[in-house]
Amino acid sequence: MFYKVLEKHYTLEPLKPLYREGVAESVNGYLKKLGELFSRAVEITGDFEPVFSTGIYDQLDIGEDEEVSKALDWLAEPIDEYDIERFGLSLATSTRT
């Protein structure tokens, strides 16, 4: 969801249903593409690394199952249908210490 907010403020590749659109053919391919998108978001914004690079959680093996790819598509798809900023989510300037 955070990536979708950033899409409105930065020139990022749109997050879309990667499995259905043939961009990713497997769960590992899906996660690899998400990693590329997220790394590029950090590079373009110069910020938000803690949001997109979660450390150990990035290393979890969630298995190769078509249903997992479909679930990831399901999560990405409806986000475009809503103006998520309407729900009070806004891009806040980070304060690093």
PDB file of N, CA and C in Angstrom:
ATOM      1  N   MET A   1       0.824  -1.182   0.000  1.00  0.00           N
ATOM      2  CA  MET A   1       0.000   0.000   0.000  1.00  0.00           C
ATOM      3  C   MET A   1       0.876   1.257   0.000  1.00  0.00           C
ATOM      4  N   PHE A   2       1.942   1.208   0.764  1.00  0.00           N
ATOM      5  CA  PHE A   2       2.831   2.365   0.843  1.00  0.00           C
ATOM      6  C   PHE A   2       3.421   2.690  -0.528  1.00  0.00           C
ATOM      7  N   TYR A   3       3.799   1.654  -1.265  1.00  0.00           N
ATOM      8  CA  TYR A   3       4.344   1.858  -2.607  1.00  0.00           C
ATOM      9  C   TYR A   3       3.333   2.598  -3.478  1.00  0.00           C
ATOM     10  N   LYS A   4       2.049   2.231  -3.366  1.00  0.00           N
ATOM     11  CA  LYS A   4       1.006   2.876  -4.165  1.00  0.00           C
ATOM     12  C   LYS A   4       0.889   4.362  -3.823  1.00  0.00           C
ATOM     13  N   VAL A   5       1.078   4.726  -2.570  1.00  0.00           N
ATOM     14  CA  VAL A   5       1.073   6.142  -2.186  1.00  0.00           C
ATOM     15  C   VAL A   5       2.251   6.845  -2.855  1.00  0.00           C
ATOM     16  N   LEU A   6       3.413   6.208  -2.827  1.00  0.00           N
ATOM     17  CA  LEU A   6       4.597   6.811  -3.440  1.00  0.00           C
ATOM     18  C   LEU A   6       4.430   6.997  -4.947  1.00  0.00           C
ATOM     19  N   GLU A   7       3.691   6.098  -5.592  1.00  0.00           N
ATOM     20  CA  GLU A   7       3.444   6.233  -7.031  1.00  0.00           C
ATOM     21  C   GLU A   7       2.816   7.583  -7.373  1.00  0.00           C
ATOM     22  N   LYS A   8       2.035   8.121  -6.458  1.00  0.00           N
ATOM     23  CA  LYS A   8       1.364   9.398  -6.703  1.00  0.00           C
ATOM     24  C   LYS A   8       2.308  10.588  -6.554  1.00  0.00           C
ATOM     25  N   HIS A   9       3.442  10.378  -5.907  1.00  0.00           N
ATOM     26  CA  HIS A   9       4.362  11.475  -5.617  1.00  0.00           C
ATOM     27  C   HIS A   9       5.705  11.370  -6.341  1.00  0.00           C
ATOM     28  N   TYR A  10       6.004  10.197  -6.883  1.00  0.00           N
ATOM     29  CA  TYR A  10       7.277   9.961  -7.564  1.00  0.00           C
ATOM     30  C   TYR A  10       7.010   9.212  -8.868  1.00  0.00           C
ATOM     31  N   THR A  11       7.965   9.256  -9.759  1.00  0.00           N
ATOM     32  CA  THR A  11       7.853   8.521 -11.016  1.00  0.00           C
ATOM     33  C   THR A  11       8.353   7.101 -10.788  1.00  0.00           C
ATOM     34  N   LEU A  12       7.433   6.225 -10.411  1.00  0.00           N
ATOM     35  CA  LEU A  12       7.746   4.825 -10.147  1.00  0.00           C
ATOM     36  C   LEU A  12       6.986   3.946 -11.131  1.00  0.00           C
ATOM     37  N   GLU A  13       7.562   2.778 -11.423  1.00  0.00           N
ATOM     38  CA  GLU A  13       6.839   1.802 -12.235  1.00  0.00           C
ATOM     39  C   GLU A  13       5.585   1.386 -11.469  1.00  0.00           C
ATOM     40  N   PRO A  14       4.438   1.392 -12.109  1.00  0.00           N
ATOM     41  CA  PRO A  14       3.201   1.043 -11.398  1.00  0.00           C
ATOM     42  C   PRO A  14       3.220  -0.397 -10.891  1.00  0.00           C
ATOM     43  N   LEU A  15       2.744  -0.580  -9.686  1.00  0.00           N
ATOM     44  CA  LEU A  15       2.577  -1.917  -9.127  1.00  0.00           C
ATOM     45  C   LEU A  15       1.255  -2.461  -9.649  1.00  0.00           C
ATOM     46  N   LYS A  16       1.316  -3.595 -10.305  1.00  0.00           N
ATOM     47  CA  LYS A  16       0.130  -4.197 -10.902  1.00  0.00           C
ATOM     48  C   LYS A  16       0.130  -5.694 -10.615  1.00  0.00           C
ATOM     49  N   PRO A  17      -0.930  -6.403 -10.961  1.00  0.00           N
ATOM     50  CA  PRO A  17      -0.968  -7.856 -10.756  1.00  0.00           C
ATOM     51  C   PRO A  17       0.076  -8.549 -11.643  1.00  0.00           C
ATOM     52  N   LEU A  18       1.220  -8.821 -11.105  1.00  0.00           N
ATOM     53  CA  LEU A  18       2.363  -9.300 -11.878  1.00  0.00           C
ATOM     54  C   LEU A  18       2.173 -10.708 -12.426  1.00  0.00           C
ATOM     55  N   TYR A  19       1.469 -11.556 -11.699  1.00  0.00           N
ATOM     56  CA  TYR A  19       1.259 -12.932 -12.149  1.00  0.00           C
ATOM     57  C   TYR A  19       0.267 -12.959 -13.310  1.00  0.00           C
ATOM     58  N   ARG A  20      -0.856 -12.324 -13.135  1.00  0.00           N
ATOM     59  CA  ARG A  20      -1.892 -12.320 -14.167  1.00  0.00           C
ATOM     60  C   ARG A  20      -1.392 -11.670 -15.459  1.00  0.00           C
ATOM     61  N   GLU A  21      -0.562 -10.649 -15.329  1.00  0.00           N
ATOM     62  CA  GLU A  21      -0.067  -9.941 -16.508  1.00  0.00           C
ATOM     63  C   GLU A  21       1.165 -10.605 -17.128  1.00  0.00           C
ATOM     64  N   GLY A  22       1.598 -11.733 -16.566  1.00  0.00           N
ATOM     65  CA  GLY A  22       2.701 -12.484 -17.145  1.00  0.00           C
ATOM     66  C   GLY A  22       4.085 -11.940 -16.845  1.00  0.00           C
ATOM     67  N   VAL A  23       4.164 -10.968 -15.954  1.00  0.00           N
ATOM     68  CA  VAL A  23       5.464 -10.406 -15.571  1.00  0.00           C
ATOM     69  C   VAL A  23       6.214 -11.397 -14.689  1.00  0.00           C
ATOM     70  N   ALA A  24       5.485 -12.101 -13.828  1.00  0.00           N
ATOM     71  CA  ALA A  24       6.067 -13.104 -12.934  1.00  0.00           C
ATOM     72  C   ALA A  24       5.356 -14.433 -13.165  1.00  0.00           C
ATOM     73  N   GLU A  25       6.134 -15.487 -13.346  1.00  0.00           N
ATOM     74  CA  GLU A  25       5.554 -16.803 -13.605  1.00  0.00           C
ATOM     75  C   GLU A  25       5.585 -17.710 -12.384  1.00  0.00           C
ATOM     76  N   SER A  26       6.195 -17.242 -11.306  1.00  0.00           N
ATOM     77  CA  SER A  26       6.303 -18.047 -10.089  1.00  0.00           C
ATOM     78  C   SER A  26       6.306 -17.113  -8.883  1.00  0.00           C
ATOM     79  N   VAL A  27       6.173 -17.700  -7.704  1.00  0.00           N
ATOM     80  CA  VAL A  27       6.219 -16.897  -6.481  1.00  0.00           C
ATOM     81  C   VAL A  27       7.590 -16.246  -6.349  1.00  0.00           C
ATOM     82  N   ASN A  28       8.644 -17.021  -6.578  1.00  0.00           N
ATOM     83  CA  ASN A  28       9.991 -16.446  -6.482  1.00  0.00           C
ATOM     84  C   ASN A  28      10.189 -15.327  -7.496  1.00  0.00           C
ATOM     85  N   GLY A  29       9.662 -15.501  -8.701  1.00  0.00           N
ATOM     86  CA  GLY A  29       9.736 -14.447  -9.708  1.00  0.00           C
ATOM     87  C   GLY A  29       8.964 -13.211  -9.281  1.00  0.00           C
ATOM     88  N   TYR A  30       7.819 -13.435  -8.645  1.00  0.00           N
ATOM     89  CA  TYR A  30       6.986 -12.334  -8.149  1.00  0.00           C
ATOM     90  C   TYR A  30       7.745 -11.552  -7.084  1.00  0.00           C
ATOM     91  N   LEU A  31       8.306 -12.282  -6.127  1.00  0.00           N
ATOM     92  CA  LEU A  31       9.036 -11.630  -5.039  1.00  0.00           C
ATOM     93  C   LEU A  31      10.283 -10.916  -5.553  1.00  0.00           C
ATOM     94  N   LYS A  32      10.935 -11.510  -6.553  1.00  0.00           N
ATOM     95  CA  LYS A  32      12.110 -10.864  -7.145  1.00  0.00           C
ATOM     96  C   LYS A  32      11.708  -9.541  -7.796  1.00  0.00           C
ATOM     97  N   LYS A  33      10.618  -9.544  -8.551  1.00  0.00           N
ATOM     98  CA  LYS A  33      10.158  -8.318  -9.210  1.00  0.00           C
ATOM     99  C   LYS A  33       9.740  -7.277  -8.179  1.00  0.00           C
ATOM    100  N   LEU A  34       9.039  -7.703  -7.123  1.00  0.00           N
ATOM    101  CA  LEU A  34       8.684  -6.760  -6.054  1.00  0.00           C
ATOM    102  C   LEU A  34       9.944  -6.157  -5.444  1.00  0.00           C
ATOM    103  N   GLY A  35      10.956  -7.002  -5.220  1.00  0.00           N
ATOM    104  CA  GLY A  35      12.220  -6.510  -4.675  1.00  0.00           C
ATOM    105  C   GLY A  35      12.854  -5.461  -5.575  1.00  0.00           C
ATOM    106  N   GLU A  36      12.785  -5.694  -6.889  1.00  0.00           N
ATOM    107  CA  GLU A  36      13.322  -4.716  -7.844  1.00  0.00           C
ATOM    108  C   GLU A  36      12.546  -3.400  -7.776  1.00  0.00           C
ATOM    109  N   LEU A  37      11.220  -3.505  -7.733  1.00  0.00           N
ATOM    110  CA  LEU A  37      10.389  -2.300  -7.638  1.00  0.00           C
ATOM    111  C   LEU A  37      10.687  -1.533  -6.359  1.00  0.00           C
ATOM    112  N   PHE A  38      10.794  -2.267  -5.251  1.00  0.00           N
ATOM    113  CA  PHE A  38      11.027  -1.628  -3.959  1.00  0.00           C
ATOM    114  C   PHE A  38      12.420  -1.010  -3.890  1.00  0.00           C
ATOM    115  N   SER A  39      13.427  -1.694  -4.443  1.00  0.00           N
ATOM    116  CA  SER A  39      14.784  -1.131  -4.470  1.00  0.00           C
ATOM    117  C   SER A  39      14.820   0.151  -5.287  1.00  0.00           C
ATOM    118  N   ARG A  40      14.123   0.137  -6.393  1.00  0.00           N
ATOM    119  CA  ARG A  40      14.063   1.339  -7.240  1.00  0.00           C
ATOM    120  C   ARG A  40      13.346   2.470  -6.509  1.00  0.00           C
ATOM    121  N   ALA A  41      12.301   2.140  -5.744  1.00  0.00           N
ATOM    122  CA  ALA A  41      11.587   3.164  -4.969  1.00  0.00           C
ATOM    123  C   ALA A  41      12.522   3.814  -3.954  1.00  0.00           C
ATOM    124  N   VAL A  42      13.342   3.012  -3.297  1.00  0.00           N
ATOM    125  CA  VAL A  42      14.305   3.551  -2.333  1.00  0.00           C
ATOM    126  C   VAL A  42      15.315   4.438  -3.054  1.00  0.00           C
ATOM    127  N   GLU A  43      15.774   3.981  -4.214  1.00  0.00           N
ATOM    128  CA  GLU A  43      16.747   4.757  -4.996  1.00  0.00           C
ATOM    129  C   GLU A  43      16.151   6.098  -5.446  1.00  0.00           C
ATOM    130  N   ILE A  44      14.939   6.079  -5.954  1.00  0.00           N
ATOM    131  CA  ILE A  44      14.309   7.297  -6.478  1.00  0.00           C
ATOM    132  C   ILE A  44      13.956   8.269  -5.360  1.00  0.00           C
ATOM    133  N   THR A  45      13.418   7.757  -4.266  1.00  0.00           N
ATOM    134  CA  THR A  45      12.994   8.640  -3.173  1.00  0.00           C
ATOM    135  C   THR A  45      14.152   9.047  -2.284  1.00  0.00           C
ATOM    136  N   GLY A  46      15.204   8.222  -2.248  1.00  0.00           N
ATOM    137  CA  GLY A  46      16.307   8.486  -1.334  1.00  0.00           C
ATOM    138  C   GLY A  46      15.909   8.230   0.110  1.00  0.00           C
ATOM    139  N   ASP A  47      14.856   7.459   0.292  1.00  0.00           N
ATOM    140  CA  ASP A  47      14.314   7.250   1.636  1.00  0.00           C
ATOM    141  C   ASP A  47      13.493   5.956   1.670  1.00  0.00           C
ATOM    142  N   PHE A  48      12.951   5.666   2.825  1.00  0.00           N
ATOM    143  CA  PHE A  48      11.996   4.576   3.046  1.00  0.00           C
ATOM    144  C   PHE A  48      12.604   3.177   2.991  1.00  0.00           C
ATOM    145  N   GLU A  49      13.921   3.067   3.119  1.00  0.00           N
ATOM    146  CA  GLU A  49      14.551   1.753   3.110  1.00  0.00           C
ATOM    147  C   GLU A  49      13.991   0.837   4.197  1.00  0.00           C
ATOM    148  N   PRO A  50      13.744   1.324   5.423  1.00  0.00           N
ATOM    149  CA  PRO A  50      13.181   0.432   6.442  1.00  0.00           C
ATOM    150  C   PRO A  50      11.804  -0.130   6.071  1.00  0.00           C
ATOM    151  N   VAL A  51      11.080   0.570   5.234  1.00  0.00           N
ATOM    152  CA  VAL A  51       9.766   0.092   4.801  1.00  0.00           C
ATOM    153  C   VAL A  51       9.914  -1.014   3.761  1.00  0.00           C
ATOM    154  N   PHE A  52      10.828  -0.843   2.832  1.00  0.00           N
ATOM    155  CA  PHE A  52      10.945  -1.763   1.709  1.00  0.00           C
ATOM    156  C   PHE A  52      11.979  -2.867   1.898  1.00  0.00           C
ATOM    157  N   SER A  53      12.902  -2.719   2.808  1.00  0.00           N
ATOM    158  CA  SER A  53      13.903  -3.747   3.094  1.00  0.00           C
ATOM    159  C   SER A  53      13.725  -4.163   4.541  1.00  0.00           C
ATOM    160  N   THR A  54      12.999  -5.251   4.721  1.00  0.00           N
ATOM    161  CA  THR A  54      12.606  -5.636   6.076  1.00  0.00           C
ATOM    162  C   THR A  54      13.529  -6.660   6.717  1.00  0.00           C
ATOM    163  N   GLY A  55      14.681  -6.880   6.122  1.00  0.00           N
ATOM    164  CA  GLY A  55      15.642  -7.787   6.732  1.00  0.00           C
ATOM    165  C   GLY A  55      15.203  -9.233   6.657  1.00  0.00           C
ATOM    166  N   ILE A  56      15.091  -9.876   7.787  1.00  0.00           N
ATOM    167  CA  ILE A  56      14.798 -11.307   7.839  1.00  0.00           C
ATOM    168  C   ILE A  56      13.479 -11.655   7.157  1.00  0.00           C
ATOM    169  N   TYR A  57      12.526 -10.757   7.176  1.00  0.00           N
ATOM    170  CA  TYR A  57      11.236 -11.044   6.545  1.00  0.00           C
ATOM    171  C   TYR A  57      11.363 -11.150   5.027  1.00  0.00           C
ATOM    172  N   ASP A  58      12.387 -10.522   4.464  1.00  0.00           N
ATOM    173  CA  ASP A  58      12.630 -10.640   3.032  1.00  0.00           C
ATOM    174  C   ASP A  58      13.187 -12.017   2.673  1.00  0.00           C
ATOM    175  N   GLN A  59      13.640 -12.764   3.651  1.00  0.00           N
ATOM    176  CA  GLN A  59      14.250 -14.066   3.412  1.00  0.00           C
ATOM    177  C   GLN A  59      13.286 -15.231   3.615  1.00  0.00           C
ATOM    178  N   LEU A  60      12.055 -14.959   4.044  1.00  0.00           N
ATOM    179  CA  LEU A  60      11.095 -16.026   4.293  1.00  0.00           C
ATOM    180  C   LEU A  60      10.749 -16.765   3.005  1.00  0.00           C
ATOM    181  N   ASP A  61      10.686 -18.095   3.100  1.00  0.00           N
ATOM    182  CA  ASP A  61      10.298 -18.917   1.959  1.00  0.00           C
ATOM    183  C   ASP A  61       8.807 -19.199   2.076  1.00  0.00           C
ATOM    184  N   ILE A  62       8.028 -18.624   1.174  1.00  0.00           N
ATOM    185  CA  ILE A  62       6.579 -18.824   1.275  1.00  0.00           C
ATOM    186  C   ILE A  62       6.081 -19.894   0.314  1.00  0.00           C
ATOM    187  N   GLY A  63       6.987 -20.566  -0.360  1.00  0.00           N
ATOM    188  CA  GLY A  63       6.616 -21.696  -1.201  1.00  0.00           C
ATOM    189  C   GLY A  63       6.225 -21.304  -2.611  1.00  0.00           C
ATOM    190  N   GLU A  64       6.297 -22.294  -3.479  1.00  0.00           N
ATOM    191  CA  GLU A  64       5.928 -22.106  -4.887  1.00  0.00           C
ATOM    192  C   GLU A  64       4.548 -22.700  -5.110  1.00  0.00           C
ATOM    193  N   ASP A  65       3.543 -21.898  -4.998  1.00  0.00           N
ATOM    194  CA  ASP A  65       2.168 -22.331  -5.198  1.00  0.00           C
ATOM    195  C   ASP A  65       1.455 -21.254  -6.004  1.00  0.00           C
ATOM    196  N   GLU A  66       0.784 -21.669  -7.049  1.00  0.00           N
ATOM    197  CA  GLU A  66       0.082 -20.708  -7.897  1.00  0.00           C
ATOM    198  C   GLU A  66      -0.894 -19.854  -7.096  1.00  0.00           C
ATOM    199  N   GLU A  67      -1.482 -20.429  -6.059  1.00  0.00           N
ATOM    200  CA  GLU A  67      -2.443 -19.683  -5.239  1.00  0.00           C
ATOM    201  C   GLU A  67      -1.773 -18.516  -4.508  1.00  0.00           C
ATOM    202  N   VAL A  68      -0.501 -18.665  -4.157  1.00  0.00           N
ATOM    203  CA  VAL A  68       0.232 -17.566  -3.517  1.00  0.00           C
ATOM    204  C   VAL A  68       0.396 -16.415  -4.511  1.00  0.00           C
ATOM    205  N   SER A  69       0.751 -16.732  -5.748  1.00  0.00           N
ATOM    206  CA  SER A  69       0.876 -15.691  -6.779  1.00  0.00           C
ATOM    207  C   SER A  69      -0.455 -14.993  -7.008  1.00  0.00           C
ATOM    208  N   LYS A  70      -1.525 -15.766  -7.035  1.00  0.00           N
ATOM    209  CA  LYS A  70      -2.859 -15.179  -7.216  1.00  0.00           C
ATOM    210  C   LYS A  70      -3.231 -14.288  -6.035  1.00  0.00           C
ATOM    211  N   ALA A  71      -2.844 -14.703  -4.829  1.00  0.00           N
ATOM    212  CA  ALA A  71      -3.129 -13.890  -3.634  1.00  0.00           C
ATOM    213  C   ALA A  71      -2.355 -12.572  -3.683  1.00  0.00           C
ATOM    214  N   LEU A  72      -1.107 -12.616  -4.136  1.00  0.00           N
ATOM    215  CA  LEU A  72      -0.322 -11.388  -4.272  1.00  0.00           C
ATOM    216  C   LEU A  72      -0.955 -10.461  -5.307  1.00  0.00           C
ATOM    217  N   ASP A  73      -1.441 -11.036  -6.410  1.00  0.00           N
ATOM    218  CA  ASP A  73      -2.172 -10.236  -7.402  1.00  0.00           C
ATOM    219  C   ASP A  73      -3.405  -9.604  -6.772  1.00  0.00           C
ATOM    220  N   TRP A  74      -4.120 -10.393  -5.996  1.00  0.00           N
ATOM    221  CA  TRP A  74      -5.345  -9.916  -5.345  1.00  0.00           C
ATOM    222  C   TRP A  74      -5.045  -8.721  -4.443  1.00  0.00           C
ATOM    223  N   LEU A  75      -3.906  -8.757  -3.764  1.00  0.00           N
ATOM    224  CA  LEU A  75      -3.522  -7.636  -2.905  1.00  0.00           C
ATOM    225  C   LEU A  75      -3.166  -6.394  -3.714  1.00  0.00           C
ATOM    226  N   ALA A  76      -2.518  -6.574  -4.840  1.00  0.00           N
ATOM    227  CA  ALA A  76      -2.086  -5.431  -5.654  1.00  0.00           C
ATOM    228  C   ALA A  76      -3.235  -4.822  -6.448  1.00  0.00           C
ATOM    229  N   GLU A  77      -4.154  -5.647  -6.886  1.00  0.00           N
ATOM    230  CA  GLU A  77      -5.197  -5.193  -7.803  1.00  0.00           C
ATOM    231  C   GLU A  77      -6.167  -4.156  -7.235  1.00  0.00           C
ATOM    232  N   PRO A  78      -6.824  -4.394  -6.114  1.00  0.00           N
ATOM    233  CA  PRO A  78      -7.857  -3.442  -5.683  1.00  0.00           C
ATOM    234  C   PRO A  78      -7.317  -2.110  -5.188  1.00  0.00           C
ATOM    235  N   ILE A  79      -6.052  -2.043  -4.890  1.00  0.00           N
ATOM    236  CA  ILE A  79      -5.478  -0.800  -4.383  1.00  0.00           C
ATOM    237  C   ILE A  79      -5.661   0.320  -5.397  1.00  0.00           C
ATOM    238  N   ASP A  80      -5.559   0.001  -6.686  1.00  0.00           N
ATOM    239  CA  ASP A  80      -5.734   1.021  -7.722  1.00  0.00           C
ATOM    240  C   ASP A  80      -7.163   1.540  -7.797  1.00  0.00           C
ATOM    241  N   GLU A  81      -8.104   0.754  -7.322  1.00  0.00           N
ATOM    242  CA  GLU A  81      -9.508   1.140  -7.412  1.00  0.00           C
ATOM    243  C   GLU A  81      -9.894   2.212  -6.399  1.00  0.00           C
ATOM    244  N   TYR A  82      -9.057   2.436  -5.413  1.00  0.00           N
ATOM    245  CA  TYR A  82      -9.389   3.370  -4.348  1.00  0.00           C
ATOM    246  C   TYR A  82      -8.365   4.488  -4.277  1.00  0.00           C
ATOM    247  N   ASP A  83      -8.796   5.624  -3.854  1.00  0.00           N
ATOM    248  CA  ASP A  83      -7.878   6.720  -3.567  1.00  0.00           C
ATOM    249  C   ASP A  83      -7.469   6.530  -2.107  1.00  0.00           C
ATOM    250  N   ILE A  84      -6.387   5.769  -1.880  1.00  0.00           N
ATOM    251  CA  ILE A  84      -6.046   5.386  -0.513  1.00  0.00           C
ATOM    252  C   ILE A  84      -5.701   6.576   0.364  1.00  0.00           C
ATOM    253  N   GLU A  85      -5.299   7.677  -0.239  1.00  0.00           N
ATOM    254  CA  GLU A  85      -5.023   8.860   0.575  1.00  0.00           C
ATOM    255  C   GLU A  85      -6.300   9.388   1.222  1.00  0.00           C
ATOM    256  N   ARG A  86      -7.433   9.051   0.630  1.00  0.00           N
ATOM    257  CA  ARG A  86      -8.721   9.450   1.185  1.00  0.00           C
ATOM    258  C   ARG A  86      -8.935   8.847   2.584  1.00  0.00           C
ATOM    259  N   PHE A  87      -8.280   7.732   2.847  1.00  0.00           N
ATOM    260  CA  PHE A  87      -8.428   7.055   4.128  1.00  0.00           C
ATOM    261  C   PHE A  87      -7.475   7.576   5.193  1.00  0.00           C
ATOM    262  N   GLY A  88      -6.814   8.690   4.918  1.00  0.00           N
ATOM    263  CA  GLY A  88      -5.949   9.310   5.919  1.00  0.00           C
ATOM    264  C   GLY A  88      -4.494   8.912   5.819  1.00  0.00           C
ATOM    265  N   LEU A  89      -4.141   8.115   4.814  1.00  0.00           N
ATOM    266  CA  LEU A  89      -2.742   7.758   4.627  1.00  0.00           C
ATOM    267  C   LEU A  89      -2.083   8.871   3.843  1.00  0.00           C
ATOM    268  N   SER A  90      -1.004   9.374   4.351  1.00  0.00           N
ATOM    269  CA  SER A  90      -0.310  10.433   3.623  1.00  0.00           C
ATOM    270  C   SER A  90       1.184  10.187   3.660  1.00  0.00           C
ATOM    271  N   LEU A  91       1.858  10.788   2.745  1.00  0.00           N
ATOM    272  CA  LEU A  91       3.304  10.667   2.669  1.00  0.00           C
ATOM    273  C   LEU A  91       3.911  11.609   3.690  1.00  0.00           C
ATOM    274  N   ALA A  92       4.538  11.046   4.693  1.00  0.00           N
ATOM    275  CA  ALA A  92       5.141  11.865   5.748  1.00  0.00           C
ATOM    276  C   ALA A  92       6.647  11.916   5.535  1.00  0.00           C
ATOM    277  N   THR A  93       7.229  13.027   5.840  1.00  0.00           N
ATOM    278  CA  THR A  93       8.675  13.173   5.758  1.00  0.00           C
ATOM    279  C   THR A  93       9.295  12.382   6.899  1.00  0.00           C
ATOM    280  N   SER A  94      10.244  11.545   6.562  1.00  0.00           N
ATOM    281  CA  SER A  94      10.865  10.744   7.612  1.00  0.00           C
ATOM    282  C   SER A  94      11.863  11.586   8.384  1.00  0.00           C
ATOM    283  N   THR A  95      12.045  11.223   9.631  1.00  0.00           N
ATOM    284  CA  THR A  95      13.052  11.896  10.459  1.00  0.00           C
ATOM    285  C   THR A  95      14.015  10.838  10.952  1.00  0.00           C
ATOM    286  N   ARG A  96      15.206  10.866  10.415  1.00  0.00           N
ATOM    287  CA  ARG A  96      16.223   9.888  10.815  1.00  0.00           C
ATOM    288  C   ARG A  96      17.074  10.477  11.915  1.00  0.00           C
ATOM    289  N   THR A  97      17.459   9.613  12.827  1.00  0.00           N
ATOM    290  CA  THR A  97      18.351  10.047  13.901  1.00  0.00           C
ATOM    291  C   THR A  97      19.654   9.314  13.834  1.00  0.00           C
TER     292      THR A  97
END
